[in-house]
Amino acid sequence: MTKPGNELLFLALGGSDEIGMNVNLYGCQGKWVMVDLGLTFGSADYPGTELVLPDLEFIEDRADDLLGIVLTHGHEDHIGAVPYLAADLGVPLYATPFTAQLIRGKLEEQGIADEVDLRIIPMEGELDLAPFHFRFMPLAHSIPEMSALVIDTPYGKIFHTGDWKLDEQPVIGKPSTAAQLKAVGDEGILALVCDSTNAFNNEDSGSEGSVKADLLKAVNAARGRVVVTTFASNAARLQTLAEVAHEAGRKLCIAGRSLNRIIQASQATGYLKNIPELVDMEAVDAHPRNQVMVLATGGQGEARAALARIAEGNHPVKLEEGDTVIFSSKQIPGNEVAIGRIMNRLARQNILTVTEKQAHVHVSGHPGRPELAELYDYIRPQILLPVHGERRHMAEQARFGLSEGIPQAIVQSNGDVIRLAPKGPVKIGEERTGRLILDGDVIIPADGDTINQRRRLSWYGIINIALALDGDNNLLGDPYIRLHGVPIEDEIDSFFDEASNAAVKAVKDWRGDLDDLREKVRLAVRRVATSWTGKKPIVDVLVVETA
């Protein structure tokens, strides 16, 4: 596909069949617009890496037809790839003030703030990128200024939800009212492109304002020092926790750079103005233990975050028997083991932990089924297109939407080209999508040689063997052998003898060029390793020729 014709197309480059890395494209009359540019976090699938970025090859090849990038809100899975990929696209970015403040900080950290055209759209503002017209509509979420997008095109209107929930007590911000959402539905909406995260939840997400009572109760019940961990981006929760600390008679301390960044961005854009004076981490011990409350990053078990270091005892904030840690967050799927490791470490020190399973200390930022049904009733789309979920979440939302009376639904994957109008929805093609890895300061393909080799190293280990040959190609001395990650711990000398003998024999039998010698030695040593371990480690052979 070269250009979209007289039609309205949707193409996800990330965020479908997965939670995270959201990148959505809309195409119409030869032009494209991008909604969000997020990342996801590394896993054991990508050893030694932390950040996973979308492969934007499709739109990079069509950058002349890309009009701009519109950001719905400031979560990493929606803006995290901006500092790494946006400059190469060479188009303006559009975001509300708080989201723009977060993006600006990221661009400055990378030293590219002057290379990216970042434009601020006021709350409830509008943006014309013909043939597209955008209206920003605030919705509640677990970060300030989440804005749904009403996208007007010559072929119909799209309501792109972003991440959202319905909340009558959002604590921070003023989401669109039911009347405003119904008015959008009255305009006639072709397609609802909708968050699927909690499509299986039979209850609504709960109001942000409802958690304060149980948080205060848990803090008041604590005998010693209290540490509370929550999602750093949830400025409303930070506001609530500041109020809880004040009402409980405790000083507030912040532990974690991401928390400080969110507070600074919030205050720069008019939020969190009444956060009390903070206690420095280094000065916490100067206050009685029952008069301090610490907000810490790391509720998802991140090894280098503040909570993990506090639990390990190598952080300025110290805990002891009788203290309390409150997890004002939910476990993101995949993080259970890491979170459990921290909880177990705390339990060994007789530190009490309180989670959402024991008290009402957290609510989700994504809609449950009652909220989905309510939005369907407001918007009344012709088509439901689920996004932001694994396949099971998106398929479940499609089924639910149809059962609630939406006439049509389509479930798509990253790379599926969906024509929404005319004569839609229908899949009309597939485009290549993929993942990139930020490995140190270098961006590389997720399926490239580097990561594949690293996986093999982690699975099989490596044997290094060095040989020295004289001018007549005779072996000088014994081969030098080293092991890394190969499961031979007992009788290692016997293994070295057998592997060395196999290498020596391969040299004696060799009649070809040096490449042939390396391959013969490699295979001979690997056969020995396989007979000892049942594994096939990587064998790296170095041959040195002397005069």
Protein backbone atom coordinates (compact mmCIF):
# COMPACT_ATOMS: atom_id res chain seq x y z
CA MET A 1 0.00 0.00 0.00
CA THR A 2 1.41 3.39 -0.97
CA LYS A 3 -1.18 5.95 0.07
CA PRO A 4 -4.70 5.83 1.50
CA GLY A 5 -7.23 6.74 -1.17
CA ASN A 6 -10.72 8.14 -0.83
CA GLU A 7 -11.30 6.13 2.31
CA LEU A 8 -10.70 6.11 6.07
CA LEU A 9 -8.11 3.59 7.25
CA PHE A 10 -6.87 2.43 10.65
CA LEU A 11 -3.51 0.75 11.19
CA ALA A 12 -1.94 -0.11 14.56
CA LEU A 13 1.84 -0.29 14.65
CA GLY A 14 1.70 -1.15 18.36
CA GLY A 15 -0.76 -1.61 21.20
CA SER A 16 -3.00 -4.27 19.65
CA ASP A 17 -2.64 -7.87 20.83
CA GLU A 18 -0.56 -6.38 23.66
CA ILE A 19 -0.86 -3.91 26.52
CA GLY A 20 1.71 -1.20 25.94
CA MET A 21 3.62 0.42 23.06
CA ASN A 22 0.57 2.18 21.63
CA VAL A 23 0.97 3.59 18.11
CA ASN A 24 -2.14 4.09 15.98
CA LEU A 25 -2.36 5.50 12.46
CA TYR A 26 -5.37 6.93 10.66
CA GLY A 27 -5.18 7.35 6.89
CA CYS A 28 -7.37 9.39 4.57
CA GLN A 29 -7.01 11.01 1.12
CA GLY A 30 -3.30 10.35 0.83
CA LYS A 31 -2.38 11.49 4.36
CA TRP A 32 -1.70 9.87 7.72
CA VAL A 33 -1.91 11.03 11.32
CA MET A 34 -0.41 9.20 14.28
CA VAL A 35 -2.11 8.91 17.67
CA ASP A 36 0.37 8.18 20.50
CA LEU A 37 3.94 6.94 20.32
CA GLY A 38 4.58 4.66 23.28
CA LEU A 39 6.95 1.98 24.43
CA THR A 40 6.83 -1.12 26.56
CA PHE A 41 9.31 -2.51 29.04
CA GLY A 42 11.85 -5.25 28.57
CA SER A 43 11.44 -8.80 29.77
CA ALA A 44 13.32 -12.07 29.82
CA ASP A 45 12.55 -12.29 26.09
CA TYR A 46 15.11 -9.51 25.55
CA PRO A 47 17.98 -10.25 27.96
CA GLY A 48 19.88 -7.27 29.29
CA THR A 49 17.50 -4.63 27.95
CA GLU A 50 14.90 -2.40 29.60
CA LEU A 51 12.94 -0.58 26.88
CA VAL A 52 11.13 -1.93 23.82
CA LEU A 53 10.15 0.50 21.05
CA PRO A 54 7.82 0.12 18.06
CA ASP A 55 9.32 -0.38 14.64
CA LEU A 56 7.99 2.56 12.61
CA GLU A 57 9.38 1.47 9.25
CA PHE A 58 5.94 1.64 7.61
CA ILE A 59 5.36 5.30 8.41
CA GLU A 60 9.04 6.27 8.17
CA ASP A 61 8.85 5.23 4.52
CA ARG A 62 5.81 7.53 4.18
CA ALA A 63 6.98 10.37 6.40
CA ASP A 64 6.20 12.93 3.69
CA ASP A 65 2.52 11.97 4.05
CA LEU A 66 2.48 12.09 7.88
CA LEU A 67 0.82 15.27 9.14
CA GLY A 68 1.57 15.04 12.85
CA ILE A 69 1.58 13.02 16.07
CA VAL A 70 -1.26 13.60 18.53
CA LEU A 71 -0.71 12.43 22.13
CA THR A 72 -3.66 11.43 24.31
CA HIS A 73 -1.84 11.45 27.67
CA GLY A 74 1.49 11.13 29.42
CA HIS A 75 1.87 7.44 30.29
CA GLU A 76 5.00 5.72 29.02
CA ASP A 77 3.04 3.30 26.84
CA HIS A 78 1.69 6.35 24.99
CA ILE A 79 4.62 8.84 24.91
CA GLY A 80 7.69 6.84 25.98
CA ALA A 81 9.10 6.32 22.46
CA VAL A 82 8.90 10.03 21.59
CA PRO A 83 12.50 10.94 22.58
CA TYR A 84 13.90 8.03 20.57
CA LEU A 85 11.79 8.08 17.40
CA ALA A 86 9.90 11.35 16.94
CA ALA A 87 12.80 13.46 15.63
CA ASP A 88 13.34 11.12 12.68
CA LEU A 89 9.70 11.49 11.63
CA GLY A 90 10.12 15.26 11.38
CA VAL A 91 6.51 16.25 12.10
CA PRO A 92 4.94 18.33 14.87
CA LEU A 93 3.76 16.76 18.13
CA TYR A 94 0.52 17.94 19.72
CA ALA A 95 -0.27 17.51 23.42
CA THR A 96 -2.09 19.20 26.30
CA PRO A 97 0.04 21.21 28.79
CA PHE A 98 0.80 18.49 31.36
CA THR A 99 1.58 15.85 28.73
CA ALA A 100 3.73 18.36 26.85
CA GLN A 101 5.61 19.15 30.06
CA LEU A 102 6.48 15.46 30.49
CA ILE A 103 7.54 15.17 26.85
CA ARG A 104 9.65 18.31 27.05
CA GLY A 105 11.53 16.85 30.02
CA LYS A 106 12.25 13.67 28.05
CA LEU A 107 13.47 15.61 25.04
CA GLU A 108 15.74 17.75 27.21
CA GLU A 109 17.22 14.65 28.85
CA GLN A 110 18.10 13.35 25.38
CA GLY A 111 19.45 16.74 24.30
CA ILE A 112 17.04 17.01 21.37
CA ALA A 113 14.50 19.56 22.61
CA ASP A 114 15.42 21.84 19.68
CA GLU A 115 14.95 19.05 17.13
CA VAL A 116 11.30 18.27 17.87
CA ASP A 117 8.41 20.65 17.19
CA LEU A 118 6.24 20.25 20.30
CA ARG A 119 2.98 22.22 20.21
CA ILE A 120 0.63 22.67 23.15
CA ILE A 121 -3.11 22.22 22.69
CA PRO A 122 -5.24 23.66 25.50
CA MET A 123 -7.59 21.39 27.40
CA GLU A 124 -10.73 20.80 25.31
CA GLY A 125 -8.90 22.42 22.40
CA GLU A 126 -9.11 21.68 18.70
CA LEU A 127 -6.58 20.94 15.99
CA ASP A 128 -6.93 20.98 12.22
CA LEU A 129 -4.72 18.63 10.21
CA ALA A 130 -6.74 18.45 7.00
CA PRO A 131 -8.37 16.16 6.05
CA PHE A 132 -8.49 15.40 9.80
CA HIS A 133 -9.92 17.64 12.51
CA PHE A 134 -9.30 16.80 16.20
CA ARG A 135 -11.22 17.79 19.32
CA PHE A 136 -9.69 16.96 22.69
CA MET A 137 -12.20 15.69 25.27
CA PRO A 138 -10.94 15.14 28.83
CA LEU A 139 -11.69 11.77 30.40
CA ALA A 140 -10.72 10.44 33.82
CA HIS A 141 -7.65 8.21 34.07
CA SER A 142 -4.76 7.64 36.47
CA ILE A 143 -2.80 10.64 35.15
CA PRO A 144 -3.80 14.26 34.57
CA GLU A 145 -5.19 15.51 31.26
CA MET A 146 -6.07 12.23 29.58
CA SER A 147 -7.90 13.38 26.45
CA ALA A 148 -10.07 11.32 24.17
CA LEU A 149 -10.04 12.47 20.56
CA VAL A 150 -13.04 13.19 18.36
CA ILE A 151 -11.53 12.87 14.89
CA ASP A 152 -13.64 14.35 12.11
CA THR A 153 -12.92 13.08 8.58
CA PRO A 154 -14.71 13.28 5.21
CA TYR A 155 -15.83 9.67 5.75
CA GLY A 156 -17.15 9.86 9.29
CA LYS A 157 -16.19 10.64 12.86
CA ILE A 158 -13.98 8.58 15.12
CA PHE A 159 -14.12 8.62 18.93
CA HIS A 160 -10.66 7.48 20.01
CA THR A 161 -10.85 6.94 23.78
CA GLY A 162 -7.21 6.66 24.76
CA ASP A 163 -7.04 5.22 28.31
CA TRP A 164 -10.06 6.17 30.37
CA LYS A 165 -12.61 5.47 33.06
CA LEU A 166 -15.79 7.13 34.31
CA ASP A 167 -15.27 8.84 37.66
CA GLU A 168 -17.48 11.27 39.57
CA GLN A 169 -14.66 11.96 42.08
CA PRO A 170 -11.50 12.20 39.98
CA VAL A 171 -9.63 14.34 42.61
CA ILE A 172 -7.70 16.13 39.84
CA GLY A 173 -9.14 17.47 36.61
CA LYS A 174 -12.65 17.81 35.19
CA PRO A 175 -13.54 14.98 32.82
CA SER A 176 -16.25 15.41 30.20
CA THR A 177 -19.76 15.04 31.57
CA ALA A 178 -22.35 12.53 30.51
CA ALA A 179 -24.19 15.32 28.70
CA GLN A 180 -21.05 16.25 26.74
CA LEU A 181 -20.43 12.63 25.75
CA LYS A 182 -24.06 12.16 24.72
CA ALA A 183 -23.77 15.31 22.59
CA VAL A 184 -20.84 13.72 20.77
CA GLY A 185 -22.94 10.63 20.16
CA ASP A 186 -25.70 12.84 18.79
CA GLU A 187 -23.28 14.05 16.09
CA GLY A 188 -23.11 10.52 14.71
CA ILE A 189 -19.99 8.46 15.37
CA LEU A 190 -18.76 6.03 12.74
CA ALA A 191 -16.26 4.16 14.95
CA LEU A 192 -15.38 3.91 18.63
CA VAL A 193 -11.70 2.98 19.04
CA CYS A 194 -11.67 1.84 22.64
CA ASP A 195 -9.44 0.73 25.54
CA SER A 196 -9.91 -3.01 26.24
CA THR A 197 -7.73 -3.47 29.35
CA ASN A 198 -10.50 -4.41 31.80
CA ALA A 199 -12.99 -5.92 29.36
CA PHE A 200 -13.38 -8.99 31.61
CA ASN A 201 -14.11 -6.97 34.78
CA ASN A 202 -17.77 -7.15 35.76
CA GLU A 203 -17.46 -4.21 38.15
CA ASP A 204 -16.62 -0.62 37.38
CA SER A 205 -13.16 0.70 38.09
CA GLY A 206 -14.12 2.68 41.18
CA SER A 207 -13.68 6.35 41.94
CA GLU A 208 -10.27 7.82 42.68
CA GLY A 209 -11.79 9.78 45.53
CA SER A 210 -12.98 6.58 47.23
CA VAL A 211 -9.53 5.32 48.24
CA LYS A 212 -8.71 8.07 50.72
CA ALA A 213 -10.70 6.67 53.65
CA ASP A 214 -8.99 3.26 53.64
CA LEU A 215 -5.57 4.77 53.01
CA LEU A 216 -6.01 7.03 56.02
CA LYS A 217 -7.26 4.11 58.10
CA ALA A 218 -4.22 2.00 57.14
CA VAL A 219 -1.79 4.82 57.92
CA ASN A 220 -3.45 5.62 61.24
CA ALA A 221 -3.24 1.95 62.21
CA ALA A 222 0.51 1.82 61.59
CA ARG A 223 2.71 1.82 64.69
CA GLY A 224 5.98 2.79 63.06
CA ARG A 225 7.25 4.20 59.80
CA VAL A 226 4.96 3.97 56.77
CA VAL A 227 6.04 3.56 53.16
CA VAL A 228 3.40 3.87 50.43
CA THR A 229 4.14 2.84 46.87
CA THR A 230 1.96 3.83 43.94
CA PHE A 231 2.22 4.58 40.23
CA ALA A 232 4.31 7.74 40.01
CA SER A 233 2.17 9.17 37.22
CA ASN A 234 -1.02 9.05 39.27
CA ALA A 235 -0.96 12.67 40.39
CA ALA A 236 -4.45 12.35 41.87
CA ARG A 237 -3.19 9.56 44.15
CA LEU A 238 -0.22 11.70 45.11
CA GLN A 239 -2.64 14.48 46.05
CA THR A 240 -4.70 12.04 48.12
CA LEU A 241 -1.62 10.65 49.85
CA ALA A 242 -0.39 14.14 50.69
CA GLU A 243 -3.75 14.79 52.35
CA VAL A 244 -3.58 11.44 54.16
CA ALA A 245 -0.12 12.25 55.53
CA HIS A 246 -1.32 15.64 56.77
CA GLU A 247 -4.44 14.24 58.41
CA ALA A 248 -2.45 11.42 60.01
CA GLY A 249 0.02 13.91 61.48
CA ARG A 250 2.97 12.64 59.42
CA LYS A 251 5.65 14.46 57.48
CA LEU A 252 5.91 13.50 53.81
CA CYS A 253 9.06 12.20 52.13
CA ILE A 254 9.51 11.35 48.43
CA ALA A 255 11.79 8.44 47.41
CA GLY A 256 12.21 8.03 43.68
CA ARG A 257 13.17 10.26 40.75
CA SER A 258 10.02 9.51 38.73
CA LEU A 259 7.86 10.73 41.62
CA ASN A 260 9.82 13.96 41.77
CA ARG A 261 9.50 14.41 38.01
CA ILE A 262 5.71 13.98 38.12
CA ILE A 263 5.37 16.41 41.04
CA GLN A 264 7.49 18.99 39.22
CA ALA A 265 5.53 18.59 35.96
CA SER A 266 2.25 18.75 37.86
CA GLN A 267 3.17 21.91 39.73
CA ALA A 268 4.49 23.53 36.55
CA THR A 269 1.06 23.05 34.94
CA GLY A 270 -1.11 24.04 37.88
CA TYR A 271 -1.60 20.78 39.78
CA LEU A 272 -0.42 19.59 43.22
CA LYS A 273 -0.02 23.16 44.41
CA ASN A 274 -0.75 22.25 48.04
CA ILE A 275 1.81 19.47 48.50
CA PRO A 276 3.37 20.17 51.94
CA GLU A 277 7.04 20.83 52.47
CA LEU A 278 8.87 17.56 51.96
CA VAL A 279 11.34 15.82 54.25
CA ASP A 280 14.60 14.96 52.53
CA MET A 281 15.37 11.23 52.38
CA GLU A 282 18.65 11.73 54.19
CA ALA A 283 16.86 13.50 57.05
CA VAL A 284 14.09 10.96 57.64
CA ASP A 285 15.77 9.43 60.68
CA ALA A 286 15.72 12.82 62.42
CA HIS A 287 11.95 12.41 62.82
CA PRO A 288 10.12 9.92 65.05
CA ARG A 289 9.22 6.81 63.07
CA ASN A 290 5.49 7.26 63.65
CA GLN A 291 5.57 10.82 62.30
CA VAL A 292 6.85 10.17 58.75
CA MET A 293 5.19 8.75 55.63
CA VAL A 294 7.40 7.92 52.64
CA LEU A 295 6.11 7.77 49.05
CA ALA A 296 8.32 5.37 47.12
CA THR A 297 8.61 4.17 43.55
CA GLY A 298 8.88 0.46 42.77
CA GLY A 299 5.44 -1.01 43.39
CA GLN A 300 5.87 -3.28 40.34
CA GLY A 301 8.99 -4.89 41.78
CA GLU A 302 11.53 -2.93 39.75
CA ALA A 303 14.95 -4.00 41.01
CA ARG A 304 16.52 -0.54 40.94
CA ALA A 305 13.54 1.43 42.23
CA ALA A 306 13.35 2.87 45.73
CA LEU A 307 11.11 0.20 47.29
CA ALA A 308 13.36 -2.70 46.32
CA ARG A 309 16.38 -0.89 47.73
CA ILE A 310 14.48 -0.02 50.92
CA ALA A 311 13.50 -3.67 51.34
CA GLU A 312 17.12 -4.73 50.81
CA GLY A 313 18.35 -2.21 53.38
CA ASN A 314 20.59 -0.24 51.00
CA HIS A 315 18.56 2.97 50.83
CA PRO A 316 18.62 6.07 53.07
CA VAL A 317 15.07 5.21 54.18
CA LYS A 318 15.30 2.29 56.59
CA LEU A 319 12.55 -0.05 57.73
CA GLU A 320 12.43 -2.26 60.79
CA GLU A 321 10.10 -4.69 62.51
CA GLY A 322 6.66 -3.20 63.06
CA ASP A 323 6.80 -0.75 60.12
CA THR A 324 4.21 -0.82 57.33
CA VAL A 325 4.37 -0.81 53.52
CA ILE A 326 1.15 0.00 51.63
CA PHE A 327 0.86 -1.03 47.98
CA SER A 328 -1.55 1.59 46.60
CA SER A 329 -1.37 -0.05 43.17
CA LYS A 330 -2.30 -3.26 41.40
CA GLN A 331 0.01 -5.95 40.14
CA ILE A 332 0.53 -5.55 36.41
CA PRO A 333 0.45 -9.03 34.81
CA GLY A 334 4.00 -10.32 34.47
CA ASN A 335 5.29 -8.52 37.56
CA GLU A 336 3.90 -10.93 40.15
CA VAL A 337 7.22 -12.69 40.82
CA ALA A 338 9.20 -9.46 41.22
CA ILE A 339 6.57 -7.96 43.53
CA GLY A 340 6.35 -11.18 45.53
CA ARG A 341 10.11 -11.16 46.00
CA ILE A 342 9.94 -7.73 47.65
CA MET A 343 6.94 -8.69 49.79
CA ASN A 344 8.72 -11.82 50.98
CA ARG A 345 11.80 -9.81 51.90
CA LEU A 346 9.63 -7.43 53.91
CA ALA A 347 7.83 -10.33 55.58
CA ARG A 348 11.15 -11.80 56.74
CA GLN A 349 11.74 -8.52 58.59
CA ASN A 350 8.26 -8.65 60.18
CA ILE A 351 7.17 -5.59 58.22
CA LEU A 352 3.44 -5.43 57.58
CA THR A 353 2.27 -5.12 53.96
CA VAL A 354 -1.17 -3.84 52.94
CA THR A 355 -2.47 -4.38 49.38
CA GLU A 356 -5.72 -3.80 47.49
CA LYS A 357 -6.71 -7.34 48.52
CA GLN A 358 -6.82 -6.33 52.18
CA ALA A 359 -8.14 -2.77 51.96
CA HIS A 360 -9.59 -0.37 49.41
CA VAL A 361 -6.28 1.38 48.70
CA HIS A 362 -6.32 1.34 44.89
CA VAL A 363 -8.68 1.74 41.95
CA SER A 364 -7.94 1.05 38.30
CA GLY A 365 -7.60 3.72 35.66
CA HIS A 366 -9.33 1.59 33.01
CA PRO A 367 -13.05 0.90 32.47
CA GLY A 368 -14.84 -2.22 33.61
CA ARG A 369 -17.84 -3.58 31.73
CA PRO A 370 -20.42 -1.25 33.35
CA GLU A 371 -18.39 1.77 32.20
CA LEU A 372 -17.93 0.33 28.72
CA ALA A 373 -21.68 -0.18 28.44
CA GLU A 374 -22.29 3.37 29.63
CA LEU A 375 -19.91 4.84 27.06
CA TYR A 376 -21.47 2.74 24.30
CA ASP A 377 -24.82 4.23 25.27
CA TYR A 378 -23.40 7.77 25.16
CA ILE A 379 -21.47 7.47 21.89
CA ARG A 380 -23.67 5.00 19.95
CA PRO A 381 -21.06 4.13 17.31
CA GLN A 382 -21.73 2.16 14.15
CA ILE A 383 -18.44 0.27 14.59
CA LEU A 384 -16.49 -0.84 17.68
CA LEU A 385 -12.73 -1.28 17.16
CA PRO A 386 -11.07 -2.51 20.36
CA VAL A 387 -7.42 -1.59 21.03
CA HIS A 388 -5.11 -1.48 24.08
CA GLY A 389 -5.28 -5.10 25.11
CA GLU A 390 -4.06 -8.59 24.51
CA ARG A 391 -6.06 -10.52 21.95
CA ARG A 392 -8.34 -11.99 24.61
CA HIS A 393 -9.18 -8.54 25.96
CA MET A 394 -9.94 -7.09 22.53
CA ALA A 395 -12.00 -10.10 21.45
CA GLU A 396 -13.99 -9.96 24.69
CA GLN A 397 -14.73 -6.28 24.24
CA ALA A 398 -15.90 -6.92 20.68
CA ARG A 399 -18.28 -9.61 21.92
CA PHE A 400 -19.49 -7.39 24.73
CA GLY A 401 -20.03 -4.42 22.45
CA LEU A 402 -22.10 -6.46 20.03
CA SER A 403 -24.19 -7.82 22.91
CA GLU A 404 -24.81 -4.22 24.01
CA GLY A 405 -26.22 -3.28 20.62
CA ILE A 406 -23.30 -1.87 18.66
CA PRO A 407 -24.05 -2.93 15.06
CA GLN A 408 -20.51 -3.92 14.01
CA ALA A 409 -17.19 -4.79 15.62
CA ILE A 410 -13.81 -5.78 14.22
CA VAL A 411 -10.83 -7.26 16.06
CA GLN A 412 -7.46 -6.43 14.53
CA SER A 413 -3.78 -6.98 15.22
CA ASN A 414 -0.72 -4.80 14.81
CA GLY A 415 -0.13 -4.49 11.08
CA ASP A 416 -3.72 -5.11 9.97
CA VAL A 417 -4.94 -2.39 7.60
CA ILE A 418 -8.60 -1.78 8.41
CA ARG A 419 -10.83 0.22 6.12
CA LEU A 420 -13.49 1.85 8.26
CA ALA A 421 -15.26 3.64 5.40
CA PRO A 422 -16.63 3.34 2.85
CA LYS A 423 -17.93 -0.23 2.97
CA GLY A 424 -16.29 -1.07 6.26
CA PRO A 425 -15.14 -2.31 8.58
CA VAL A 426 -12.99 -4.74 6.61
CA LYS A 427 -9.37 -5.84 6.69
CA ILE A 428 -7.81 -4.93 3.33
CA GLY A 429 -4.16 -5.81 3.92
CA GLU A 430 -1.25 -6.37 6.26
CA GLU A 431 1.88 -4.30 6.81
CA ARG A 432 5.07 -5.35 8.57
CA THR A 433 5.35 -4.31 12.19
CA GLY A 434 7.97 -5.17 14.74
CA ARG A 435 9.89 -4.17 17.80
CA LEU A 436 13.09 -2.33 18.42
CA ILE A 437 15.23 -2.58 21.53
CA LEU A 438 16.97 0.25 23.33
CA ASP A 439 20.16 -1.54 24.38
CA GLY A 440 22.30 0.92 26.29
CA ASP A 441 22.39 3.93 23.97
CA VAL A 442 21.82 1.91 20.79
CA ILE A 443 18.52 1.03 19.09
CA ILE A 444 18.60 -2.42 17.48
CA PRO A 445 16.02 -4.85 16.03
CA ALA A 446 14.33 -7.06 18.60
CA ASP A 447 14.72 -10.04 16.26
CA GLY A 448 18.26 -9.18 15.14
CA ASP A 449 21.54 -11.00 15.65
CA THR A 450 22.44 -9.21 18.89
CA ILE A 451 19.36 -10.27 20.83
CA ASN A 452 19.30 -13.74 19.29
CA GLN A 453 22.93 -14.25 20.28
CA ARG A 454 22.23 -12.96 23.77
CA ARG A 455 19.34 -15.41 24.14
CA ARG A 456 21.59 -18.25 23.07
CA LEU A 457 24.21 -17.12 25.55
CA SER A 458 21.65 -17.08 28.36
CA TRP A 459 20.28 -20.50 27.42
CA TYR A 460 23.46 -22.41 26.53
CA GLY A 461 26.51 -20.50 27.77
CA ILE A 462 29.72 -20.03 25.81
CA ILE A 463 33.09 -21.77 25.53
CA ASN A 464 36.06 -19.71 24.38
CA ILE A 465 38.99 -21.65 22.93
CA ALA A 466 42.22 -20.15 21.62
CA LEU A 467 44.84 -21.95 19.51
CA ALA A 468 48.31 -20.79 18.47
CA LEU A 469 49.91 -22.11 15.25
CA ASP A 470 53.47 -21.74 14.06
CA GLY A 471 54.50 -20.94 10.50
CA ASP A 472 54.06 -24.60 9.49
CA ASN A 473 50.56 -24.72 11.00
CA ASN A 474 51.68 -26.85 13.93
CA LEU A 475 49.95 -26.35 17.25
CA LEU A 476 52.01 -24.42 19.78
CA GLY A 477 51.26 -25.59 23.31
CA ASP A 478 47.87 -26.65 24.61
CA PRO A 479 44.64 -24.93 23.61
CA TYR A 480 43.43 -22.28 26.04
CA ILE A 481 39.79 -22.89 27.13
CA ARG A 482 37.39 -20.79 29.24
CA LEU A 483 33.74 -21.43 30.14
CA HIS A 484 30.96 -18.89 30.75
CA GLY A 485 27.57 -20.20 31.85
CA VAL A 486 28.21 -23.80 30.81
CA PRO A 487 26.93 -26.15 33.56
CA ILE A 488 30.21 -27.86 34.41
CA GLU A 489 31.17 -27.26 38.01
CA ASP A 490 32.42 -30.66 39.14
CA GLU A 491 35.38 -32.40 37.45
CA ILE A 492 36.08 -29.29 35.42
CA ASP A 493 39.73 -30.30 34.92
CA SER A 494 38.63 -33.58 33.35
CA PHE A 495 36.32 -31.67 31.01
CA PHE A 496 39.16 -29.33 30.01
CA ASP A 497 41.40 -32.32 29.26
CA GLU A 498 38.77 -33.98 27.05
CA ALA A 499 37.87 -30.77 25.23
CA SER A 500 41.54 -29.92 24.73
CA ASN A 501 42.26 -33.39 23.31
CA ALA A 502 39.31 -33.04 20.92
CA ALA A 503 40.65 -29.69 19.71
CA VAL A 504 44.17 -31.07 19.25
CA LYS A 505 42.84 -33.99 17.19
CA ALA A 506 40.83 -31.58 15.02
CA VAL A 507 44.03 -29.62 14.30
CA LYS A 508 45.91 -32.80 13.37
CA ASP A 509 43.10 -33.87 10.99
CA TRP A 510 42.83 -30.41 9.42
CA ARG A 511 43.74 -29.99 5.75
CA GLY A 512 41.80 -26.87 4.66
CA ASP A 513 41.93 -23.13 5.30
CA LEU A 514 41.66 -21.34 8.65
CA ASP A 515 37.88 -21.05 8.45
CA ASP A 516 37.69 -24.80 8.02
CA LEU A 517 39.96 -25.26 11.05
CA ARG A 518 37.79 -23.03 13.23
CA GLU A 519 34.69 -24.98 12.25
CA LYS A 520 36.30 -28.37 12.89
CA VAL A 521 37.50 -27.26 16.34
CA ARG A 522 34.16 -25.68 17.14
CA LEU A 523 32.23 -28.84 16.35
CA ALA A 524 34.70 -31.09 18.14
CA VAL A 525 34.61 -29.07 21.37
CA ARG A 526 30.83 -28.68 21.24
CA ARG A 527 30.41 -32.47 20.89
CA VAL A 528 32.41 -32.90 24.09
CA ALA A 529 30.33 -30.26 25.88
CA THR A 530 27.07 -31.87 24.72
CA SER A 531 28.18 -35.28 25.94
CA TRP A 532 28.93 -33.78 29.36
CA THR A 533 25.93 -31.47 29.74
CA GLY A 534 23.20 -32.34 27.24
CA LYS A 535 23.40 -28.72 25.99
CA LYS A 536 24.94 -27.20 22.89
CA PRO A 537 26.84 -24.14 24.07
CA ILE A 538 28.20 -21.47 21.77
CA VAL A 539 31.85 -22.27 20.99
CA ASP A 540 34.00 -19.34 19.93
CA VAL A 541 37.36 -20.32 18.39
CA LEU A 542 40.30 -17.95 18.10
CA VAL A 543 43.27 -19.03 15.97
CA VAL A 544 46.52 -17.05 16.24
CA GLU A 545 49.21 -17.56 13.62
CA THR A 546 52.82 -16.81 14.56
CA ALA A 547 55.67 -16.23 12.17
